[in-house]
Amino acid sequence: MANSNKDFDHVKLAVNEPNELGLLSSTFTEMSNELLKLYTSLEDKVQDKTRRLLAVIVLYWYYINALNY
């Protein structure tokens, strides 16, 4: 399944018929592309918040150590 492997590239369907199957194919591919963008954006946000949290933890650690001396 794409979401468990985090690989959305392999789900592109090459059905270009001017009928319901072609519409379903293009809609599915578009949905896959949007999911990839959302997933990537979410990963970037998590990494940014993790970096910021670690910076606060380091500052807090220095503050606590300064108070203990």
PDB file of N, CA and C in Angstrom:
ATOM      1  N   MET A   1       0.841  -1.182   0.000  1.00  0.00           N
ATOM      2  CA  MET A   1       0.000   0.000   0.000  1.00  0.00           C
ATOM      3  C   MET A   1       0.887   1.247   0.000  1.00  0.00           C
ATOM      4  N   ALA A   2       0.510   2.252  -0.716  1.00  0.00           N
ATOM      5  CA  ALA A   2       1.361   3.431  -0.902  1.00  0.00           C
ATOM      6  C   ALA A   2       1.639   4.158   0.403  1.00  0.00           C
ATOM      7  N   ASN A   3       0.652   4.349   1.245  1.00  0.00           N
ATOM      8  CA  ASN A   3       0.878   5.148   2.440  1.00  0.00           C
ATOM      9  C   ASN A   3       1.761   4.433   3.457  1.00  0.00           C
ATOM     10  N   SER A   4       1.795   3.103   3.467  1.00  0.00           N
ATOM     11  CA  SER A   4       2.666   2.418   4.408  1.00  0.00           C
ATOM     12  C   SER A   4       4.118   2.462   3.954  1.00  0.00           C
ATOM     13  N   ASN A   5       4.353   2.535   2.655  1.00  0.00           N
ATOM     14  CA  ASN A   5       5.708   2.606   2.123  1.00  0.00           C
ATOM     15  C   ASN A   5       6.157   4.031   1.865  1.00  0.00           C
ATOM     16  N   LYS A   6       5.267   4.966   1.946  1.00  0.00           N
ATOM     17  CA  LYS A   6       5.552   6.375   1.681  1.00  0.00           C
ATOM     18  C   LYS A   6       6.057   6.571   0.260  1.00  0.00           C
ATOM     19  N   ASP A   7       5.575   5.779  -0.657  1.00  0.00           N
ATOM     20  CA  ASP A   7       5.990   5.852  -2.051  1.00  0.00           C
ATOM     21  C   ASP A   7       4.754   6.074  -2.905  1.00  0.00           C
ATOM     22  N   PHE A   8       4.564   7.305  -3.337  1.00  0.00           N
ATOM     23  CA  PHE A   8       3.375   7.646  -4.106  1.00  0.00           C
ATOM     24  C   PHE A   8       3.653   7.701  -5.602  1.00  0.00           C
ATOM     25  N   ASP A   9       4.899   7.472  -6.002  1.00  0.00           N
ATOM     26  CA  ASP A   9       5.249   7.591  -7.413  1.00  0.00           C
ATOM     27  C   ASP A   9       4.753   6.430  -8.262  1.00  0.00           C
ATOM     28  N   HIS A  10       4.594   5.276  -7.687  1.00  0.00           N
ATOM     29  CA  HIS A  10       4.244   4.114  -8.487  1.00  0.00           C
ATOM     30  C   HIS A  10       2.750   3.981  -8.772  1.00  0.00           C
ATOM     31  N   VAL A  11       1.942   4.896  -8.303  1.00  0.00           N
ATOM     32  CA  VAL A  11       0.497   4.756  -8.481  1.00  0.00           C
ATOM     33  C   VAL A  11      -0.039   5.527  -9.685  1.00  0.00           C
ATOM     34  N   LYS A  12       0.822   6.088 -10.487  1.00  0.00           N
ATOM     35  CA  LYS A  12       0.356   6.817 -11.663  1.00  0.00           C
ATOM     36  C   LYS A  12      -0.217   5.835 -12.679  1.00  0.00           C
ATOM     37  N   LEU A  13      -1.420   6.082 -13.100  1.00  0.00           N
ATOM     38  CA  LEU A  13      -2.095   5.219 -14.059  1.00  0.00           C
ATOM     39  C   LEU A  13      -2.039   5.859 -15.435  1.00  0.00           C
ATOM     40  N   ALA A  14      -1.804   5.044 -16.443  1.00  0.00           N
ATOM     41  CA  ALA A  14      -1.651   5.564 -17.803  1.00  0.00           C
ATOM     42  C   ALA A  14      -2.879   5.251 -18.646  1.00  0.00           C
ATOM     43  N   VAL A  15      -4.038   5.537 -18.115  1.00  0.00           N
ATOM     44  CA  VAL A  15      -5.272   5.336 -18.875  1.00  0.00           C
ATOM     45  C   VAL A  15      -5.731   6.711 -19.341  1.00  0.00           C
ATOM     46  N   ASN A  16      -5.620   6.974 -20.616  1.00  0.00           N
ATOM     47  CA  ASN A  16      -5.957   8.286 -21.163  1.00  0.00           C
ATOM     48  C   ASN A  16      -7.179   8.215 -22.071  1.00  0.00           C
ATOM     49  N   GLU A  17      -8.118   7.404 -21.706  1.00  0.00           N
ATOM     50  CA  GLU A  17      -9.331   7.255 -22.505  1.00  0.00           C
ATOM     51  C   GLU A  17     -10.316   8.373 -22.171  1.00  0.00           C
ATOM     52  N   PRO A  18     -11.073   8.830 -23.139  1.00  0.00           N
ATOM     53  CA  PRO A  18     -12.070   9.886 -22.877  1.00  0.00           C
ATOM     54  C   PRO A  18     -13.373   9.292 -22.336  1.00  0.00           C
ATOM     55  N   ASN A  19     -13.252   8.546 -21.238  1.00  0.00           N
ATOM     56  CA  ASN A  19     -14.435   7.934 -20.634  1.00  0.00           C
ATOM     57  C   ASN A  19     -14.264   7.917 -19.113  1.00  0.00           C
ATOM     58  N   GLU A  20     -15.142   7.185 -18.436  1.00  0.00           N
ATOM     59  CA  GLU A  20     -15.107   7.146 -16.976  1.00  0.00           C
ATOM     60  C   GLU A  20     -13.800   6.564 -16.450  1.00  0.00           C
ATOM     61  N   LEU A  21     -13.261   5.578 -17.130  1.00  0.00           N
ATOM     62  CA  LEU A  21     -12.007   4.974 -16.694  1.00  0.00           C
ATOM     63  C   LEU A  21     -10.844   5.964 -16.803  1.00  0.00           C
ATOM     64  N   GLY A  22     -10.816   6.734 -17.867  1.00  0.00           N
ATOM     65  CA  GLY A  22      -9.791   7.764 -18.015  1.00  0.00           C
ATOM     66  C   GLY A  22      -9.916   8.837 -16.948  1.00  0.00           C
ATOM     67  N   LEU A  23     -11.155   9.246 -16.651  1.00  0.00           N
ATOM     68  CA  LEU A  23     -11.393  10.241 -15.600  1.00  0.00           C
ATOM     69  C   LEU A  23     -10.962   9.695 -14.245  1.00  0.00           C
ATOM     70  N   LEU A  24     -11.315   8.445 -13.973  1.00  0.00           N
ATOM     71  CA  LEU A  24     -10.912   7.818 -12.717  1.00  0.00           C
ATOM     72  C   LEU A  24      -9.393   7.750 -12.609  1.00  0.00           C
ATOM     73  N   SER A  25      -8.735   7.387 -13.696  1.00  0.00           N
ATOM     74  CA  SER A  25      -7.278   7.292 -13.725  1.00  0.00           C
ATOM     75  C   SER A  25      -6.624   8.637 -13.431  1.00  0.00           C
ATOM     76  N   SER A  26      -7.068   9.680 -14.111  1.00  0.00           N
ATOM     77  CA  SER A  26      -6.449  10.995 -13.900  1.00  0.00           C
ATOM     78  C   SER A  26      -6.755  11.533 -12.504  1.00  0.00           C
ATOM     79  N   THR A  27      -7.956  11.278 -11.999  1.00  0.00           N
ATOM     80  CA  THR A  27      -8.318  11.731 -10.659  1.00  0.00           C
ATOM     81  C   THR A  27      -7.496  10.999  -9.605  1.00  0.00           C
ATOM     82  N   PHE A  28      -7.307   9.708  -9.799  1.00  0.00           N
ATOM     83  CA  PHE A  28      -6.510   8.923  -8.863  1.00  0.00           C
ATOM     84  C   PHE A  28      -5.058   9.399  -8.850  1.00  0.00           C
ATOM     85  N   THR A  29      -4.509   9.667 -10.018  1.00  0.00           N
ATOM     86  CA  THR A  29      -3.134  10.162 -10.113  1.00  0.00           C
ATOM     87  C   THR A  29      -3.011  11.533  -9.453  1.00  0.00           C
ATOM     88  N   GLU A  30      -3.990  12.393  -9.669  1.00  0.00           N
ATOM     89  CA  GLU A  30      -3.983  13.721  -9.036  1.00  0.00           C
ATOM     90  C   GLU A  30      -4.052  13.586  -7.519  1.00  0.00           C
ATOM     91  N   MET A  31      -4.900  12.687  -7.030  1.00  0.00           N
ATOM     92  CA  MET A  31      -5.011  12.465  -5.595  1.00  0.00           C
ATOM     93  C   MET A  31      -3.678  11.977  -5.029  1.00  0.00           C
ATOM     94  N   SER A  32      -3.026  11.080  -5.738  1.00  0.00           N
ATOM     95  CA  SER A  32      -1.732  10.566  -5.306  1.00  0.00           C
ATOM     96  C   SER A  32      -0.700  11.688  -5.220  1.00  0.00           C
ATOM     97  N   ASN A  33      -0.688  12.570  -6.197  1.00  0.00           N
ATOM     98  CA  ASN A  33       0.242  13.708  -6.186  1.00  0.00           C
ATOM     99  C   ASN A  33      -0.028  14.629  -5.004  1.00  0.00           C
ATOM    100  N   GLU A  34      -1.295  14.888  -4.721  1.00  0.00           N
ATOM    101  CA  GLU A  34      -1.652  15.744  -3.587  1.00  0.00           C
ATOM    102  C   GLU A  34      -1.244  15.094  -2.269  1.00  0.00           C
ATOM    103  N   LEU A  35      -1.451  13.792  -2.145  1.00  0.00           N
ATOM    104  CA  LEU A  35      -1.038  13.093  -0.929  1.00  0.00           C
ATOM    105  C   LEU A  35       0.470  13.168  -0.738  1.00  0.00           C
ATOM    106  N   LEU A  36       1.211  13.041  -1.814  1.00  0.00           N
ATOM    107  CA  LEU A  36       2.669  13.151  -1.735  1.00  0.00           C
ATOM    108  C   LEU A  36       3.073  14.536  -1.239  1.00  0.00           C
ATOM    109  N   LYS A  37       2.439  15.582  -1.776  1.00  0.00           N
ATOM    110  CA  LYS A  37       2.749  16.950  -1.331  1.00  0.00           C
ATOM    111  C   LYS A  37       2.420  17.129   0.146  1.00  0.00           C
ATOM    112  N   LEU A  38       1.256  16.638   0.560  1.00  0.00           N
ATOM    113  CA  LEU A  38       0.850  16.778   1.958  1.00  0.00           C
ATOM    114  C   LEU A  38       1.780  16.011   2.884  1.00  0.00           C
ATOM    115  N   TYR A  39       2.140  14.812   2.491  1.00  0.00           N
ATOM    116  CA  TYR A  39       3.025  13.995   3.311  1.00  0.00           C
ATOM    117  C   TYR A  39       4.396  14.655   3.446  1.00  0.00           C
ATOM    118  N   THR A  40       4.935  15.140   2.347  1.00  0.00           N
ATOM    119  CA  THR A  40       6.237  15.808   2.368  1.00  0.00           C
ATOM    120  C   THR A  40       6.184  17.061   3.232  1.00  0.00           C
ATOM    121  N   SER A  41       5.117  17.831   3.091  1.00  0.00           N
ATOM    122  CA  SER A  41       4.951  19.040   3.893  1.00  0.00           C
ATOM    123  C   SER A  41       4.869  18.692   5.379  1.00  0.00           C
ATOM    124  N   LEU A  42       4.146  17.636   5.693  1.00  0.00           N
ATOM    125  CA  LEU A  42       4.023  17.222   7.084  1.00  0.00           C
ATOM    126  C   LEU A  42       5.373  16.789   7.646  1.00  0.00           C
ATOM    127  N   GLU A  43       6.135  16.034   6.880  1.00  0.00           N
ATOM    128  CA  GLU A  43       7.468  15.623   7.330  1.00  0.00           C
ATOM    129  C   GLU A  43       8.357  16.833   7.588  1.00  0.00           C
ATOM    130  N   ASP A  44       8.306  17.825   6.704  1.00  0.00           N
ATOM    131  CA  ASP A  44       9.106  19.040   6.879  1.00  0.00           C
ATOM    132  C   ASP A  44       8.702  19.773   8.152  1.00  0.00           C
ATOM    133  N   LYS A  45       7.405  19.868   8.407  1.00  0.00           N
ATOM    134  CA  LYS A  45       6.922  20.552   9.612  1.00  0.00           C
ATOM    135  C   LYS A  45       7.353  19.813  10.870  1.00  0.00           C
ATOM    136  N   VAL A  46       7.278  18.488  10.850  1.00  0.00           N
ATOM    137  CA  VAL A  46       7.691  17.699  12.010  1.00  0.00           C
ATOM    138  C   VAL A  46       9.181  17.892  12.275  1.00  0.00           C
ATOM    139  N   GLN A  47       9.998  17.863  11.230  1.00  0.00           N
ATOM    140  CA  GLN A  47      11.439  18.072  11.404  1.00  0.00           C
ATOM    141  C   GLN A  47      11.732  19.457  11.963  1.00  0.00           C
ATOM    142  N   ASP A  48      11.037  20.476  11.465  1.00  0.00           N
ATOM    143  CA  ASP A  48      11.248  21.838  11.949  1.00  0.00           C
ATOM    144  C   ASP A  48      10.864  21.955  13.417  1.00  0.00           C
ATOM    145  N   LYS A  49       9.721  21.418  13.784  1.00  0.00           N
ATOM    146  CA  LYS A  49       9.283  21.506  15.182  1.00  0.00           C
ATOM    147  C   LYS A  49      10.196  20.694  16.093  1.00  0.00           C
ATOM    148  N   THR A  50      10.705  19.576  15.607  1.00  0.00           N
ATOM    149  CA  THR A  50      11.637  18.773  16.395  1.00  0.00           C
ATOM    150  C   THR A  50      12.926  19.541  16.644  1.00  0.00           C
ATOM    151  N   ARG A  51      13.455  20.203  15.609  1.00  0.00           N
ATOM    152  CA  ARG A  51      14.671  21.015  15.779  1.00  0.00           C
ATOM    153  C   ARG A  51      14.443  22.131  16.794  1.00  0.00           C
ATOM    154  N   ARG A  52      13.297  22.793  16.688  1.00  0.00           N
ATOM    155  CA  ARG A  52      13.002  23.894  17.612  1.00  0.00           C
ATOM    156  C   ARG A  52      12.852  23.381  19.041  1.00  0.00           C
ATOM    157  N   LEU A  53      12.208  22.249  19.205  1.00  0.00           N
ATOM    158  CA  LEU A  53      12.034  21.670  20.530  1.00  0.00           C
ATOM    159  C   LEU A  53      13.377  21.266  21.130  1.00  0.00           C
ATOM    160  N   LEU A  54      14.236  20.670  20.326  1.00  0.00           N
ATOM    161  CA  LEU A  54      15.563  20.304  20.819  1.00  0.00           C
ATOM    162  C   LEU A  54      16.365  21.533  21.228  1.00  0.00           C
ATOM    163  N   ALA A  55      16.229  22.624  20.498  1.00  0.00           N
ATOM    164  CA  ALA A  55      16.921  23.867  20.861  1.00  0.00           C
ATOM    165  C   ALA A  55      16.430  24.373  22.213  1.00  0.00           C
ATOM    166  N   VAL A  56      15.140  24.302  22.454  1.00  0.00           N
ATOM    167  CA  VAL A  56      14.581  24.736  23.738  1.00  0.00           C
ATOM    168  C   VAL A  56      15.067  23.824  24.863  1.00  0.00           C
ATOM    169  N   ILE A  57      15.119  22.531  24.596  1.00  0.00           N
ATOM    170  CA  ILE A  57      15.596  21.588  25.610  1.00  0.00           C
ATOM    171  C   ILE A  57      17.044  21.876  25.972  1.00  0.00           C
ATOM    172  N   VAL A  58      17.879  22.162  24.984  1.00  0.00           N
ATOM    173  CA  VAL A  58      19.287  22.484  25.247  1.00  0.00           C
ATOM    174  C   VAL A  58      19.387  23.764  26.071  1.00  0.00           C
ATOM    175  N   LEU A  59      18.636  24.790  25.710  1.00  0.00           N
ATOM    176  CA  LEU A  59      18.659  26.038  26.485  1.00  0.00           C
ATOM    177  C   LEU A  59      18.181  25.806  27.912  1.00  0.00           C
ATOM    178  N   TYR A  60      17.143  25.017  28.070  1.00  0.00           N
ATOM    179  CA  TYR A  60      16.622  24.699  29.400  1.00  0.00           C
ATOM    180  C   TYR A  60      17.680  23.963  30.214  1.00  0.00           C
ATOM    181  N   TRP A  61      18.384  23.016  29.588  1.00  0.00           N
ATOM    182  CA  TRP A  61      19.426  22.260  30.265  1.00  0.00           C
ATOM    183  C   TRP A  61      20.541  23.193  30.748  1.00  0.00           C
ATOM    184  N   TYR A  62      20.971  24.122  29.880  1.00  0.00           N
ATOM    185  CA  TYR A  62      22.003  25.088  30.284  1.00  0.00           C
ATOM    186  C   TYR A  62      21.512  25.976  31.426  1.00  0.00           C
ATOM    187  N   TYR A  63      20.270  26.378  31.374  1.00  0.00           N
ATOM    188  CA  TYR A  63      19.689  27.224  32.419  1.00  0.00           C
ATOM    189  C   TYR A  63      19.663  26.477  33.751  1.00  0.00           C
ATOM    190  N   ILE A  64      19.218  25.237  33.742  1.00  0.00           N
ATOM    191  CA  ILE A  64      19.154  24.436  34.970  1.00  0.00           C
ATOM    192  C   ILE A  64      20.558  24.212  35.533  1.00  0.00           C
ATOM    193  N   ASN A  65      21.507  23.917  34.659  1.00  0.00           N
ATOM    194  CA  ASN A  65      22.885  23.714  35.128  1.00  0.00           C
ATOM    195  C   ASN A  65      23.475  24.997  35.693  1.00  0.00           C
ATOM    196  N   ALA A  66      23.150  26.131  35.114  1.00  0.00           N
ATOM    197  CA  ALA A  66      23.655  27.410  35.627  1.00  0.00           C
ATOM    198  C   ALA A  66      23.083  27.693  37.011  1.00  0.00           C
ATOM    199  N   LEU A  67      21.840  27.324  37.252  1.00  0.00           N
ATOM    200  CA  LEU A  67      21.228  27.541  38.562  1.00  0.00           C
ATOM    201  C   LEU A  67      21.814  26.619  39.633  1.00  0.00           C
ATOM    202  N   ASN A  68      22.296  25.478  39.223  1.00  0.00           N
ATOM    203  CA  ASN A  68      22.839  24.511  40.186  1.00  0.00           C
ATOM    204  C   ASN A  68      24.261  24.845  40.620  1.00  0.00           C
ATOM    205  N   TYR A  69      24.909  25.803  39.981  1.00  0.00           N
ATOM    206  CA  TYR A  69      26.284  26.150  40.342  1.00  0.00           C
ATOM    207  C   TYR A  69      26.349  27.429  41.082  1.00  0.00           C
TER     208      TYR A  69
END
